[in-house]
Amino acid sequence: MASEKVETVVAGNYVEMEREEEANSTSTKSKLSRLFWHGGSVYDAWFSCASNQVAQVLLTLPYSFSQLGMISGISFQLFYGLLGSWTAYLISVLYVEYRTRKEREKVDFRNHVIQWFEVLDGLLGKHWRNIGLFFNCTFLLFGSVIQLIACASNIYYVNDSLDKRTWTYIFGACCAATVFIPSFHNYRIWSFLGLIMTTFTAWYLTIASLLHGQVEGVTHSGPSKMVLYFTGATNILYTFGGHAVTVEIMHAMWKPQKFKLIYLVATIYVLTLTLPSASAVYWAFGDMLLNRSNAFALLPRTKFRDTAVVLMLIHQFITFGFACTPLYFVWEKFIGVHETKSLLKRALTRLPVVIPIWFLAIIFPFFGPINSTVGSLLVSFTVYIIPAMAHMITFASASSREVTKQTTNTLYLNLIDT
């Protein structure tokens, strides 16, 4: 029971043990593996959060600004970014609480990845587990679909010899290769490269729009309709809704208790990309964006635009992996192969997850409306409502808050020691 004062166990012991075992290996192969493949530091978590948070929405935010207007667009980004960082912190607190309780019971997590629905199950029961599982899986499913659609949409600006559906077939096959990436430990180099790619694209959009200047007769009439106003707001809501993978990113850390402010710092960096790029493109093209949801459509074709398109394609492959990996874990647990050490066996069992995503991406070729639908119906619950309610209920009693305070103090002392 929460009221029992039992010995506090620091979350993360098992992952740290794995790190120590790897440190004993001095071969060149193992060193390269740790450098490029096996991450778990604070910096890895930051790169993962920042890289996952901004992807295709970087190209649709100017469209949202045309619906909202400049002031509302900036205000919503700041509001949702900061509020999302707060709920990510709440999720991190719940994760540490759940893992601490389980490690008191001597549960071994060396071959098991903790997920959000398991945290809800352990702290609040099966009904909360089912709610969390439904919203997270649905959100991640459509997030993966959006990435495939976006790949086909972007490549069309470089090579229009094939129609968008054909490109979706091709990129669906390419993204299926993510079944071979075991967990978020193994996204170290991909997260780093992904953030470089979105940084380049964001500043390309900003500089290219400023150099292009305002089009003749440009108008900035937004917000003009209430429905457009809230459609734009939900797209920005989706931008800062990367919480569906927060627990998996935390679990991949050597010391998960250090996650507390990582999401906030990642959000601040992401805002340095999204605010200038969206503002500059909207300033240059104004209401023309109402008919162009992808910012690439309005900028003239140059070698810099083609480079940005290719980099976004690669980043969407990475983001597809981020969105799909938690779904892989859920499916592995469902069929009972999650804790196997055979990478090939896990990869083969993951393929049935990719096929329906691929199918949905072919059926729905437009990602703009899906962004807004996912933002309004799924992100609001996944990112804000469920984490906030779960935190309030978990720590509703004074005794539970006291135990958590003791745990937090112990974690803080351990951080100082290390």
Protein backbone atom coordinates (compact mmCIF):
# COMPACT_ATOMS: atom_id res chain seq x y z
CA MET A 1 0.00 0.00 0.00
CA ALA A 2 1.09 3.59 -0.61
CA SER A 3 0.78 4.39 3.08
CA GLU A 4 3.41 1.82 4.05
CA LYS A 5 6.82 3.33 4.53
CA VAL A 6 9.13 0.89 2.86
CA GLU A 7 12.68 1.17 1.66
CA THR A 8 13.02 3.32 -1.43
CA VAL A 9 14.63 1.66 -4.41
CA VAL A 10 16.10 3.87 -7.11
CA ALA A 11 14.61 3.26 -10.54
CA GLY A 12 17.06 2.33 -13.25
CA ASN A 13 19.24 -0.24 -11.44
CA TYR A 14 18.87 -2.96 -14.06
CA VAL A 15 19.65 -0.72 -17.02
CA GLU A 16 22.71 0.62 -15.23
CA MET A 17 23.86 -2.98 -14.65
CA GLU A 18 23.65 -3.60 -18.38
CA ARG A 19 25.76 -0.53 -18.98
CA GLU A 20 28.41 -1.78 -16.58
CA GLU A 21 28.53 -5.15 -18.32
CA GLU A 22 29.05 -3.46 -21.68
CA ALA A 23 31.78 -1.26 -20.25
CA ASN A 24 33.84 -4.36 -19.58
CA SER A 25 34.10 -5.05 -23.30
CA THR A 26 37.02 -3.22 -24.92
CA SER A 27 36.86 -4.53 -28.50
CA THR A 28 36.68 -2.08 -31.39
CA LYS A 29 33.36 -3.56 -32.47
CA SER A 30 31.77 -3.02 -29.06
CA LYS A 31 33.12 0.53 -28.85
CA LEU A 32 31.63 1.39 -32.23
CA SER A 33 28.38 -0.26 -31.20
CA ARG A 34 28.15 1.87 -28.08
CA LEU A 35 29.05 4.99 -30.04
CA PHE A 36 26.50 4.64 -32.84
CA TRP A 37 24.00 2.02 -31.75
CA HIS A 38 23.48 1.69 -28.01
CA GLY A 39 22.52 4.96 -26.33
CA GLY A 40 21.02 5.72 -22.95
CA SER A 41 22.44 9.01 -21.76
CA VAL A 42 20.64 12.26 -21.00
CA TYR A 43 21.82 13.58 -24.36
CA ASP A 44 20.39 10.56 -26.19
CA ALA A 45 17.03 11.14 -24.52
CA TRP A 46 17.14 14.84 -25.44
CA PHE A 47 17.93 14.07 -29.09
CA SER A 48 15.13 11.49 -29.17
CA CYS A 49 12.56 13.89 -27.68
CA ALA A 50 13.54 16.82 -29.89
CA SER A 51 13.84 14.74 -33.06
CA ASN A 52 10.52 13.00 -32.48
CA GLN A 53 8.65 16.17 -31.55
CA VAL A 54 9.00 17.99 -34.86
CA ALA A 55 8.72 16.15 -38.16
CA GLN A 56 6.23 16.66 -41.01
CA VAL A 57 4.36 19.25 -38.94
CA LEU A 58 7.30 21.56 -39.59
CA LEU A 59 5.96 21.86 -43.14
CA THR A 60 2.30 22.24 -42.10
CA LEU A 61 2.70 24.84 -39.36
CA PRO A 62 2.71 27.76 -41.88
CA TYR A 63 -0.65 26.39 -43.07
CA SER A 64 -1.86 26.51 -39.46
CA PHE A 65 -0.65 30.10 -39.16
CA SER A 66 -2.75 31.04 -42.19
CA GLN A 67 -5.78 29.60 -40.36
CA LEU A 68 -4.96 31.14 -36.98
CA GLY A 69 -3.20 34.38 -37.80
CA MET A 70 0.32 35.31 -36.69
CA ILE A 71 -0.42 36.21 -33.06
CA SER A 72 -2.59 33.18 -32.33
CA GLY A 73 -0.16 30.87 -34.12
CA ILE A 74 2.77 31.98 -31.97
CA SER A 75 0.66 31.98 -28.80
CA PHE A 76 -0.64 28.43 -29.34
CA GLN A 77 2.85 27.11 -29.99
CA LEU A 78 4.14 28.58 -26.74
CA PHE A 79 1.08 27.46 -24.78
CA TYR A 80 0.93 23.88 -26.05
CA GLY A 81 4.70 23.50 -25.89
CA LEU A 82 4.93 24.51 -22.24
CA LEU A 83 1.77 22.64 -21.21
CA GLY A 84 3.02 19.54 -23.02
CA SER A 85 6.34 19.77 -21.18
CA TRP A 86 4.46 19.87 -17.88
CA THR A 87 2.44 16.73 -18.65
CA ALA A 88 5.62 14.99 -19.87
CA TYR A 89 7.06 15.74 -16.44
CA LEU A 90 3.96 14.21 -14.83
CA ILE A 91 4.43 11.09 -16.96
CA SER A 92 8.07 10.86 -15.85
CA VAL A 93 7.00 11.05 -12.19
CA LEU A 94 4.45 8.27 -12.71
CA TYR A 95 7.02 6.13 -14.50
CA VAL A 96 9.56 6.47 -11.68
CA GLU A 97 6.83 5.70 -9.11
CA TYR A 98 5.73 2.58 -10.98
CA ARG A 99 9.25 1.32 -11.57
CA THR A 100 10.28 1.99 -7.99
CA ARG A 101 7.36 -0.10 -6.72
CA LYS A 102 8.17 -2.93 -9.11
CA GLU A 103 11.87 -2.96 -8.24
CA ARG A 104 10.93 -3.24 -4.58
CA GLU A 105 9.22 -6.45 -5.66
CA LYS A 106 12.46 -7.57 -7.37
CA VAL A 107 10.96 -7.40 -10.88
CA ASP A 108 13.64 -7.74 -13.57
CA PHE A 109 13.33 -5.31 -16.51
CA ARG A 110 16.50 -6.30 -18.36
CA ASN A 111 14.55 -7.85 -21.25
CA HIS A 112 11.31 -5.94 -20.81
CA VAL A 113 10.45 -2.41 -21.96
CA ILE A 114 8.00 -0.60 -19.68
CA GLN A 115 5.19 1.19 -21.55
CA TRP A 116 2.63 3.81 -20.59
CA PHE A 117 -0.31 1.41 -20.38
CA GLU A 118 1.69 -0.78 -17.97
CA VAL A 119 2.39 2.24 -15.76
CA LEU A 120 -1.34 3.00 -15.67
CA ASP A 121 -2.11 -0.65 -14.96
CA GLY A 122 0.35 -0.86 -12.08
CA LEU A 123 -0.73 2.41 -10.47
CA LEU A 124 -4.46 2.64 -11.25
CA GLY A 125 -5.74 -0.71 -12.49
CA LYS A 126 -6.88 -2.44 -15.66
CA HIS A 127 -9.53 0.10 -16.69
CA TRP A 128 -6.91 2.86 -16.88
CA ARG A 129 -4.61 0.42 -18.67
CA ASN A 130 -7.24 -0.20 -21.35
CA ILE A 131 -7.90 3.53 -21.82
CA GLY A 132 -4.20 4.32 -22.10
CA LEU A 133 -3.63 1.40 -24.47
CA PHE A 134 -6.46 2.47 -26.76
CA PHE A 135 -5.50 6.14 -27.05
CA ASN A 136 -1.75 5.55 -27.32
CA CYS A 137 -1.97 2.77 -29.88
CA THR A 138 -4.51 4.65 -32.00
CA PHE A 139 -2.42 7.81 -31.85
CA LEU A 140 0.78 5.94 -32.80
CA LEU A 141 -1.01 4.05 -35.56
CA PHE A 142 -2.19 7.21 -37.29
CA GLY A 143 1.11 8.95 -36.53
CA SER A 144 2.84 6.21 -38.50
CA VAL A 145 0.30 6.54 -41.31
CA ILE A 146 0.94 10.28 -41.48
CA GLN A 147 4.69 9.73 -41.90
CA LEU A 148 4.16 7.40 -44.87
CA ILE A 149 1.74 9.82 -46.52
CA ALA A 150 4.16 12.68 -45.91
CA CYS A 151 7.01 10.75 -47.56
CA ALA A 152 4.99 10.37 -50.75
CA SER A 153 3.86 14.00 -50.61
CA ASN A 154 7.39 15.36 -50.19
CA ILE A 155 9.17 13.24 -52.79
CA TYR A 156 6.59 14.40 -55.32
CA TYR A 157 8.19 17.86 -55.22
CA VAL A 158 11.48 16.36 -56.40
CA ASN A 159 10.30 13.56 -58.67
CA ASP A 160 6.75 13.58 -60.02
CA SER A 161 7.30 10.74 -62.49
CA LEU A 162 5.27 8.49 -60.19
CA ASP A 163 1.95 9.26 -58.52
CA LYS A 164 1.77 9.68 -54.75
CA ARG A 165 0.17 6.31 -54.09
CA THR A 166 2.99 4.54 -55.93
CA TRP A 167 5.51 6.43 -53.81
CA THR A 168 3.55 5.32 -50.73
CA TYR A 169 4.01 1.69 -51.80
CA ILE A 170 7.75 2.25 -52.14
CA PHE A 171 8.27 4.11 -48.87
CA GLY A 172 6.06 1.64 -47.01
CA ALA A 173 8.47 -1.11 -48.02
CA CYS A 174 11.45 1.02 -46.94
CA CYS A 175 9.95 1.91 -43.55
CA ALA A 176 9.26 -1.76 -42.88
CA ALA A 177 13.02 -2.04 -42.23
CA THR A 178 12.40 -0.43 -38.80
CA VAL A 179 11.37 -3.88 -37.54
CA PHE A 180 15.10 -4.60 -37.20
CA ILE A 181 15.68 -1.77 -34.69
CA PRO A 182 15.28 -3.50 -31.29
CA SER A 183 14.41 -0.54 -29.02
CA PHE A 184 14.94 3.15 -28.32
CA HIS A 185 18.43 2.32 -27.07
CA ASN A 186 19.35 1.81 -30.70
CA TYR A 187 18.17 5.16 -32.07
CA ARG A 188 21.26 7.06 -30.88
CA ILE A 189 22.75 7.96 -34.28
CA TRP A 190 19.31 8.23 -35.91
CA SER A 191 18.00 10.73 -33.35
CA PHE A 192 21.13 12.84 -33.73
CA LEU A 193 20.93 12.86 -37.53
CA GLY A 194 17.17 13.44 -37.43
CA LEU A 195 17.53 16.60 -35.41
CA ILE A 196 20.21 17.92 -37.78
CA MET A 197 17.85 17.28 -40.70
CA THR A 198 14.89 19.12 -39.18
CA THR A 199 17.17 21.97 -38.10
CA PHE A 200 18.42 22.38 -41.68
CA THR A 201 14.87 22.24 -43.07
CA ALA A 202 13.51 24.76 -40.55
CA TRP A 203 16.21 27.30 -41.26
CA TYR A 204 15.93 26.69 -45.00
CA LEU A 205 12.22 27.57 -44.78
CA THR A 206 13.02 30.68 -42.76
CA ILE A 207 15.85 32.01 -44.91
CA ALA A 208 14.26 31.06 -48.25
CA SER A 209 11.00 32.81 -47.31
CA LEU A 210 12.78 35.97 -46.17
CA LEU A 211 14.91 36.07 -49.34
CA HIS A 212 11.87 35.42 -51.50
CA GLY A 213 10.01 38.29 -49.89
CA GLN A 214 6.29 38.83 -49.81
CA VAL A 215 4.36 37.83 -52.90
CA GLU A 216 2.57 40.59 -54.76
CA GLY A 217 -0.74 41.49 -53.14
CA VAL A 218 -0.13 39.25 -50.13
CA THR A 219 -2.91 39.24 -47.53
CA HIS A 220 -2.97 37.94 -43.96
CA SER A 221 -6.66 37.62 -43.18
CA GLY A 222 -6.50 34.86 -40.58
CA PRO A 223 -8.39 34.03 -38.54
CA SER A 224 -11.32 34.32 -40.91
CA LYS A 225 -13.51 31.37 -39.87
CA MET A 226 -14.03 29.71 -36.52
CA VAL A 227 -13.70 26.21 -37.97
CA LEU A 228 -10.35 27.09 -39.57
CA TYR A 229 -9.17 28.63 -36.32
CA PHE A 230 -9.69 25.44 -34.33
CA THR A 231 -8.38 23.27 -37.18
CA GLY A 232 -5.12 25.21 -37.05
CA ALA A 233 -5.01 24.94 -33.27
CA THR A 234 -5.37 21.15 -33.36
CA ASN A 235 -2.47 20.85 -35.80
CA ILE A 236 -0.26 22.77 -33.36
CA LEU A 237 -1.61 20.54 -30.59
CA TYR A 238 -0.39 17.56 -32.63
CA THR A 239 3.04 19.20 -33.01
CA PHE A 240 3.76 18.98 -29.30
CA GLY A 241 2.09 15.60 -28.78
CA GLY A 242 5.07 13.28 -28.70
CA HIS A 243 4.17 11.91 -25.27
CA ALA A 244 3.07 8.54 -26.61
CA VAL A 245 6.73 7.45 -26.62
CA THR A 246 7.87 9.30 -23.49
CA VAL A 247 7.90 6.21 -21.27
CA GLU A 248 9.82 4.15 -23.85
CA ILE A 249 12.43 6.92 -24.17
CA MET A 250 12.76 7.09 -20.38
CA HIS A 251 13.13 3.34 -20.12
CA ALA A 252 15.99 3.45 -22.64
CA MET A 253 17.95 5.77 -20.33
CA TRP A 254 20.66 4.46 -18.01
CA LYS A 255 19.24 6.71 -15.28
CA PRO A 256 15.56 7.43 -16.03
CA GLN A 257 15.20 9.70 -12.99
CA LYS A 258 17.24 12.33 -14.87
CA PHE A 259 14.48 12.75 -17.46
CA LYS A 260 12.54 15.43 -15.54
CA LEU A 261 13.54 18.53 -17.52
CA ILE A 262 14.67 16.88 -20.75
CA TYR A 263 11.33 17.28 -22.50
CA LEU A 264 11.14 20.97 -21.55
CA VAL A 265 14.62 21.67 -22.91
CA ALA A 266 13.78 19.72 -26.07
CA THR A 267 10.58 21.76 -26.49
CA ILE A 268 12.46 25.03 -26.11
CA TYR A 269 14.85 23.97 -28.88
CA VAL A 270 11.97 22.86 -31.10
CA LEU A 271 10.34 26.28 -30.65
CA THR A 272 13.52 27.89 -32.04
CA LEU A 273 12.81 25.91 -35.21
CA THR A 274 9.05 26.12 -35.53
CA LEU A 275 8.42 29.76 -34.61
CA PRO A 276 10.85 31.40 -37.10
CA SER A 277 10.03 29.02 -39.98
CA ALA A 278 6.25 29.18 -39.66
CA SER A 279 6.26 32.95 -39.13
CA ALA A 280 8.57 33.62 -42.09
CA VAL A 281 6.64 31.43 -44.54
CA TYR A 282 3.31 32.92 -43.45
CA TRP A 283 4.75 36.44 -43.72
CA ALA A 284 5.92 35.75 -47.28
CA PHE A 285 2.89 33.92 -48.69
CA GLY A 286 -0.02 34.82 -46.41
CA ASP A 287 -3.42 33.45 -47.40
CA MET A 288 -1.95 31.45 -50.28
CA LEU A 289 -1.13 28.86 -47.62
CA LEU A 290 -4.83 28.17 -47.09
CA ASN A 291 -4.70 26.17 -50.33
CA ARG A 292 -1.22 24.70 -49.74
CA SER A 293 -0.81 22.64 -46.59
CA ASN A 294 2.83 21.79 -47.45
CA ALA A 295 5.25 24.73 -47.31
CA PHE A 296 7.47 23.17 -50.00
CA ALA A 297 4.69 23.76 -52.55
CA LEU A 298 5.13 27.55 -52.48
CA LEU A 299 8.91 27.83 -52.47
CA PRO A 300 10.78 27.79 -55.81
CA ARG A 301 12.70 24.65 -56.64
CA THR A 302 16.40 25.02 -55.85
CA LYS A 303 19.18 22.67 -54.76
CA PHE A 304 18.53 23.80 -51.18
CA ARG A 305 14.83 22.91 -51.40
CA ASP A 306 15.65 19.52 -52.91
CA THR A 307 18.15 18.92 -50.13
CA ALA A 308 15.54 19.82 -47.52
CA VAL A 309 13.05 17.44 -49.15
CA VAL A 310 15.52 14.54 -49.11
CA LEU A 311 16.49 15.24 -45.49
CA MET A 312 12.84 15.32 -44.45
CA LEU A 313 12.29 11.99 -46.20
CA ILE A 314 15.08 10.41 -44.19
CA HIS A 315 13.76 12.02 -41.01
CA GLN A 316 10.28 10.65 -41.70
CA PHE A 317 11.79 7.18 -41.86
CA ILE A 318 13.22 7.81 -38.38
CA THR A 319 9.93 9.24 -37.08
CA PHE A 320 8.07 6.25 -38.49
CA GLY A 321 10.35 4.06 -36.40
CA PHE A 322 9.70 6.18 -33.31
CA ALA A 323 5.94 5.87 -33.75
CA CYS A 324 5.95 2.18 -34.68
CA THR A 325 8.41 0.81 -32.11
CA PRO A 326 5.96 1.10 -29.17
CA LEU A 327 3.38 -0.68 -31.34
CA TYR A 328 5.95 -3.40 -31.99
CA PHE A 329 6.43 -3.79 -28.23
CA VAL A 330 2.68 -4.09 -27.62
CA TRP A 331 2.35 -6.73 -30.33
CA GLU A 332 5.39 -8.66 -29.04
CA LYS A 333 3.90 -8.76 -25.56
CA PHE A 334 0.54 -9.85 -26.93
CA ILE A 335 1.99 -12.88 -28.75
CA GLY A 336 4.59 -13.60 -26.06
CA VAL A 337 7.93 -12.93 -27.79
CA HIS A 338 8.86 -9.59 -26.25
CA GLU A 339 11.55 -10.94 -23.95
CA THR A 340 13.24 -13.19 -26.50
CA LYS A 341 16.83 -12.27 -27.39
CA SER A 342 16.52 -13.30 -31.04
CA LEU A 343 16.46 -10.11 -33.14
CA LEU A 344 15.37 -12.02 -36.25
CA LYS A 345 12.43 -13.64 -34.47
CA ARG A 346 11.26 -10.29 -33.09
CA ALA A 347 11.63 -8.63 -36.51
CA LEU A 348 9.52 -11.29 -38.23
CA THR A 349 6.78 -11.04 -35.61
CA ARG A 350 6.68 -7.25 -36.03
CA LEU A 351 5.83 -7.31 -39.74
CA PRO A 352 2.04 -7.71 -39.19
CA VAL A 353 2.09 -4.30 -37.47
CA VAL A 354 3.50 -2.55 -40.55
CA ILE A 355 1.01 -4.00 -43.05
CA PRO A 356 -2.19 -2.26 -41.81
CA ILE A 357 -0.28 1.03 -41.48
CA TRP A 358 0.90 0.67 -45.06
CA PHE A 359 -2.66 -0.11 -46.17
CA LEU A 360 -4.17 2.91 -44.40
CA ALA A 361 -1.53 5.24 -45.88
CA ILE A 362 -2.50 4.09 -49.38
CA ILE A 363 -6.22 4.62 -48.69
CA PHE A 364 -5.83 8.12 -47.16
CA PRO A 365 -3.36 10.10 -49.32
CA PHE A 366 -3.78 13.49 -47.55
CA PHE A 367 -2.02 14.05 -44.23
CA GLY A 368 -3.22 17.60 -43.46
CA PRO A 369 -6.78 16.67 -42.37
CA ILE A 370 -5.45 13.58 -40.54
CA ASN A 371 -3.08 15.80 -38.54
CA SER A 372 -5.98 17.91 -37.33
CA THR A 373 -8.21 14.90 -36.62
CA VAL A 374 -5.51 13.13 -34.63
CA GLY A 375 -4.77 16.35 -32.76
CA SER A 376 -8.36 16.99 -31.74
CA LEU A 377 -9.50 13.45 -30.94
CA LEU A 378 -6.36 11.65 -29.72
CA VAL A 379 -3.59 14.04 -28.67
CA SER A 380 -5.81 15.97 -26.29
CA PHE A 381 -6.41 12.78 -24.28
CA THR A 382 -3.02 11.12 -24.78
CA VAL A 383 -0.92 14.21 -24.04
CA TYR A 384 -2.93 16.24 -21.56
CA ILE A 385 -6.06 14.73 -20.04
CA ILE A 386 -4.98 11.16 -19.19
CA PRO A 387 -1.52 12.01 -17.73
CA ALA A 388 -2.92 14.87 -15.63
CA MET A 389 -5.83 12.80 -14.28
CA ALA A 390 -3.60 9.78 -13.64
CA HIS A 391 -1.16 11.92 -11.65
CA MET A 392 -3.92 13.52 -9.57
CA ILE A 393 -5.53 10.19 -8.71
CA THR A 394 -2.24 8.40 -7.99
CA PHE A 395 -1.12 11.07 -5.54
CA ALA A 396 -4.54 12.08 -4.22
CA SER A 397 -3.86 10.94 -0.65
CA ALA A 398 -1.42 12.67 1.68
CA SER A 399 0.32 9.36 2.47
CA SER A 400 1.07 8.65 -1.20
CA ARG A 401 2.50 12.15 -1.64
CA GLU A 402 4.70 11.62 1.42
CA VAL A 403 6.12 8.35 0.07
CA THR A 404 6.74 10.03 -3.30
CA LYS A 405 8.50 12.92 -1.58
CA GLN A 406 10.83 10.45 0.15
CA THR A 407 11.48 8.72 -3.17
CA THR A 408 12.23 12.04 -4.89
CA ASN A 409 14.66 13.05 -2.15
CA THR A 410 16.47 9.73 -2.44
CA LEU A 411 16.70 10.08 -6.22
CA TYR A 412 18.05 13.60 -5.83
CA LEU A 413 20.75 12.42 -3.40
CA ASN A 414 21.73 9.64 -5.78
CA LEU A 415 22.02 12.14 -8.60
CA ILE A 416 24.37 14.27 -6.51
CA ASP A 417 26.46 11.21 -5.65
CA THR A 418 26.78 10.29 -9.32
